[in-house]
Amino acid sequence: MRNFSIMLIGLLCTSVNAPEQKLYEIERLPTEQIKIEHKQEIKPIVRDLEDLIEAMVWVESKGDPKAFAKREDAAGVLQIRPIMVNEVNRILNIKKDDRFYTLDDRWNETKSIEMFYVFVDYYHKDSSYEEIARCWNGGPKGLQKKQTKRYWKKVQNTLNKNEDSSYRG
C-alpha cells in the first residue's frame, strides 16, 4: 500500500510540474461529420403546422380545391395568388432548388401546401401561427394590416374548434 501511495504522489507531482505535457489527446471531428438528430422535437412542430394549414384551408376555401376568387385571382385550397407563385419560384431559385410551380399548381392541394411550406421555411421559420397566417393573407406587411387581424381571428377560431373536436374522439 505504501508503494502505491508514493507512486500516486509521484504521478501527481509530475502532472503539476509539467503542465505543457498532454495527458491525453482529444480527436476533433470536422463539423460536417457531426450529425445531431432531433426527431422528437421536430415532429410536434410539423404536426402543429399541419393544424395551422388545416385551419387556413378551411378559412380560405372550406377545403375546396376548385375555389376561386376572381377579384384577387386567388385559386385553390389556400387561395394562392399569382404573385405568391412567383415569389415561391424566386425562393426556390435562390435555394438552388429545381422545383418550379405554375399557376395551374394552385388548383392542386398537395402543390399548394408545398408552396406554403416553401414560403414558411424561407420567411417564417421562427414565427408564430399568427405571424404566418397574417403574412400569408396580407403579404410581407400583413402584420401592419387591419384586415389580417380579422383573418387571424377566423383561423384561430377554426384552430380552437378543431382542437376541441379532436378530443371528443
Protein backbone atom coordinates (compact mmCIF):
# COMPACT_ATOMS: atom_id res chain seq x y z
CA MET A 1 0.00 0.00 0.00
CA ARG A 2 2.87 2.35 0.85
CA ASN A 3 4.48 1.85 -2.60
CA PHE A 4 1.18 2.67 -4.28
CA SER A 5 0.86 5.94 -2.31
CA ILE A 6 4.38 7.03 -3.23
CA MET A 7 3.76 6.19 -6.88
CA LEU A 8 0.49 8.16 -6.87
CA ILE A 9 2.19 11.20 -5.30
CA GLY A 10 4.94 10.93 -7.91
CA LEU A 11 2.39 10.94 -10.74
CA LEU A 12 0.59 13.95 -9.30
CA CYS A 13 3.82 15.90 -8.92
CA THR A 14 4.83 15.07 -12.46
CA SER A 15 1.47 16.30 -13.77
CA VAL A 16 1.64 19.53 -11.76
CA ASN A 17 5.25 20.26 -12.65
CA ALA A 18 4.80 19.58 -16.36
CA PRO A 19 1.61 21.41 -17.43
CA GLU A 20 2.74 21.54 -21.06
CA GLN A 21 2.72 17.76 -21.20
CA LYS A 22 -0.56 16.43 -22.61
CA LEU A 23 -2.08 13.63 -20.61
CA TYR A 24 -4.47 12.69 -23.42
CA GLU A 25 -5.31 13.81 -26.92
CA ILE A 26 -8.86 14.74 -27.98
CA GLU A 27 -9.65 13.89 -31.55
CA ARG A 28 -11.66 16.65 -33.20
CA LEU A 29 -14.13 15.81 -35.95
CA PRO A 30 -14.92 18.27 -38.72
CA THR A 31 -18.35 19.76 -38.00
CA GLU A 32 -19.82 18.35 -41.20
CA GLN A 33 -19.27 14.83 -39.81
CA ILE A 34 -21.30 15.51 -36.68
CA LYS A 35 -24.96 14.62 -37.00
CA ILE A 36 -27.47 15.58 -34.36
CA GLU A 37 -30.95 14.18 -34.66
CA HIS A 38 -33.94 15.98 -33.20
CA LYS A 39 -36.74 13.79 -34.46
CA GLN A 40 -38.82 14.09 -31.31
CA GLU A 41 -38.52 17.88 -31.29
CA ILE A 42 -39.32 18.32 -34.98
CA LYS A 43 -42.39 16.10 -35.15
CA PRO A 44 -44.61 18.24 -32.88
CA ILE A 45 -43.63 21.37 -34.81
CA VAL A 46 -44.60 19.74 -38.11
CA ARG A 47 -47.84 18.46 -36.58
CA ASP A 48 -48.63 21.93 -35.31
CA LEU A 49 -48.02 23.39 -38.76
CA GLU A 50 -50.37 20.79 -40.21
CA ASP A 51 -53.04 22.03 -37.80
CA LEU A 52 -52.43 25.60 -38.92
CA ILE A 53 -52.62 24.61 -42.59
CA GLU A 54 -55.85 22.72 -41.98
CA ALA A 55 -57.38 25.78 -40.30
CA MET A 56 -56.18 28.13 -43.04
CA VAL A 57 -57.51 25.82 -45.76
CA TRP A 58 -60.91 25.88 -44.07
CA VAL A 59 -60.92 29.68 -43.75
CA GLU A 60 -59.62 30.25 -47.29
CA SER A 61 -61.72 27.76 -49.26
CA LYS A 62 -63.68 25.44 -46.95
CA GLY A 63 -61.33 22.77 -48.33
CA ASP A 64 -62.48 23.18 -51.94
CA PRO A 65 -59.54 22.79 -54.37
CA LYS A 66 -61.71 24.41 -57.07
CA ALA A 67 -62.28 27.59 -55.03
CA PHE A 68 -61.55 30.76 -56.99
CA ALA A 69 -61.72 34.43 -56.03
CA LYS A 70 -61.91 36.23 -59.36
CA ARG A 71 -61.27 39.72 -57.93
CA GLU A 72 -57.90 38.63 -56.49
CA ASP A 73 -57.15 35.84 -58.99
CA ALA A 74 -56.71 33.58 -55.95
CA ALA A 75 -57.12 29.86 -56.55
CA GLY A 76 -57.21 26.55 -54.73
CA VAL A 77 -57.46 25.45 -51.13
CA LEU A 78 -55.07 28.14 -49.90
CA GLN A 79 -56.30 30.83 -52.31
CA ILE A 80 -52.87 31.38 -53.85
CA ARG A 81 -52.42 34.47 -56.00
CA PRO A 82 -50.05 34.64 -58.99
CA ILE A 83 -47.66 36.89 -57.05
CA MET A 84 -47.19 34.12 -54.44
CA VAL A 85 -46.42 31.55 -57.13
CA ASN A 86 -43.77 33.94 -58.49
CA GLU A 87 -42.36 34.51 -55.01
CA VAL A 88 -42.16 30.79 -54.25
CA ASN A 89 -40.32 30.20 -57.54
CA ARG A 90 -37.94 33.07 -56.69
CA ILE A 91 -37.20 31.48 -53.29
CA LEU A 92 -36.61 28.08 -54.89
CA ASN A 93 -34.23 29.68 -57.39
CA ILE A 94 -32.26 31.34 -54.56
CA LYS A 95 -32.03 27.99 -52.77
CA LYS A 96 -30.89 26.28 -55.98
CA ASP A 97 -33.95 24.03 -55.77
CA ASP A 98 -35.04 22.58 -59.12
CA ARG A 99 -38.75 22.66 -58.32
CA PHE A 100 -40.91 25.10 -60.26
CA TYR A 101 -44.59 25.89 -59.78
CA THR A 102 -47.09 27.10 -62.35
CA LEU A 103 -50.37 28.96 -61.90
CA ASP A 104 -52.17 25.67 -62.54
CA ASP A 105 -50.44 24.15 -59.49
CA ARG A 106 -52.62 26.35 -57.28
CA TRP A 107 -55.52 24.02 -58.06
CA ASN A 108 -53.61 21.01 -56.71
CA GLU A 109 -53.97 20.70 -52.92
CA THR A 110 -50.60 18.97 -52.46
CA LYS A 111 -48.71 21.50 -54.55
CA SER A 112 -50.48 24.40 -52.82
CA ILE A 113 -49.35 23.09 -49.45
CA GLU A 114 -45.81 22.59 -50.79
CA MET A 115 -45.78 26.24 -51.83
CA PHE A 116 -46.98 27.19 -48.35
CA TYR A 117 -44.09 25.24 -46.80
CA VAL A 118 -41.56 26.97 -49.09
CA PHE A 119 -42.95 30.34 -48.01
CA VAL A 120 -42.90 29.47 -44.29
CA ASP A 121 -39.45 27.89 -44.41
CA TYR A 122 -37.98 30.98 -46.05
CA TYR A 123 -39.73 33.79 -44.19
CA HIS A 124 -41.20 32.34 -41.01
CA LYS A 125 -39.03 29.60 -39.50
CA ASP A 126 -39.38 31.09 -36.02
CA SER A 127 -42.69 32.90 -36.44
CA SER A 128 -45.89 32.38 -34.51
CA TYR A 129 -49.04 30.99 -36.09
CA GLU A 130 -50.45 34.49 -36.12
CA GLU A 131 -47.46 35.95 -37.97
CA ILE A 132 -47.52 33.12 -40.53
CA ALA A 133 -51.26 33.36 -41.17
CA ARG A 134 -51.39 37.16 -41.33
CA CYS A 135 -48.42 37.41 -43.70
CA TRP A 136 -49.83 34.63 -45.88
CA ASN A 137 -53.07 36.58 -46.11
CA GLY A 138 -51.70 40.11 -46.31
CA GLY A 139 -48.23 39.79 -47.80
CA PRO A 140 -44.92 40.96 -46.33
CA LYS A 141 -46.62 43.81 -44.45
CA GLY A 142 -49.50 41.63 -43.30
CA LEU A 143 -48.83 42.31 -39.64
CA GLN A 144 -49.50 46.00 -40.24
CA LYS A 145 -52.86 45.48 -41.96
CA LYS A 146 -56.13 45.55 -40.01
CA GLN A 147 -57.89 43.05 -42.26
CA THR A 148 -55.30 40.41 -41.40
CA LYS A 149 -56.31 40.68 -37.73
CA ARG A 150 -59.82 39.62 -38.73
CA TYR A 151 -58.37 36.84 -40.87
CA TRP A 152 -56.25 35.63 -37.94
CA LYS A 153 -59.31 35.56 -35.65
CA LYS A 154 -61.08 33.28 -38.16
CA VAL A 155 -58.04 30.98 -38.36
CA GLN A 156 -57.67 30.99 -34.58
CA ASN A 157 -61.35 30.13 -34.08
CA THR A 158 -61.03 27.27 -36.56
CA LEU A 159 -57.91 26.02 -34.79
CA ASN A 160 -59.76 26.07 -31.47
CA LYS A 161 -62.78 24.25 -32.93
CA ASN A 162 -60.52 21.59 -34.47
CA GLU A 163 -58.68 21.18 -31.17
CA ASP A 164 -61.94 20.80 -29.24
CA SER A 165 -63.40 18.25 -31.68
CA SER A 166 -60.20 16.17 -31.76
CA TYR A 167 -60.57 15.45 -28.04
CA ARG A 168 -64.13 14.17 -28.43
CA GLY A 169 -62.88 11.19 -30.43
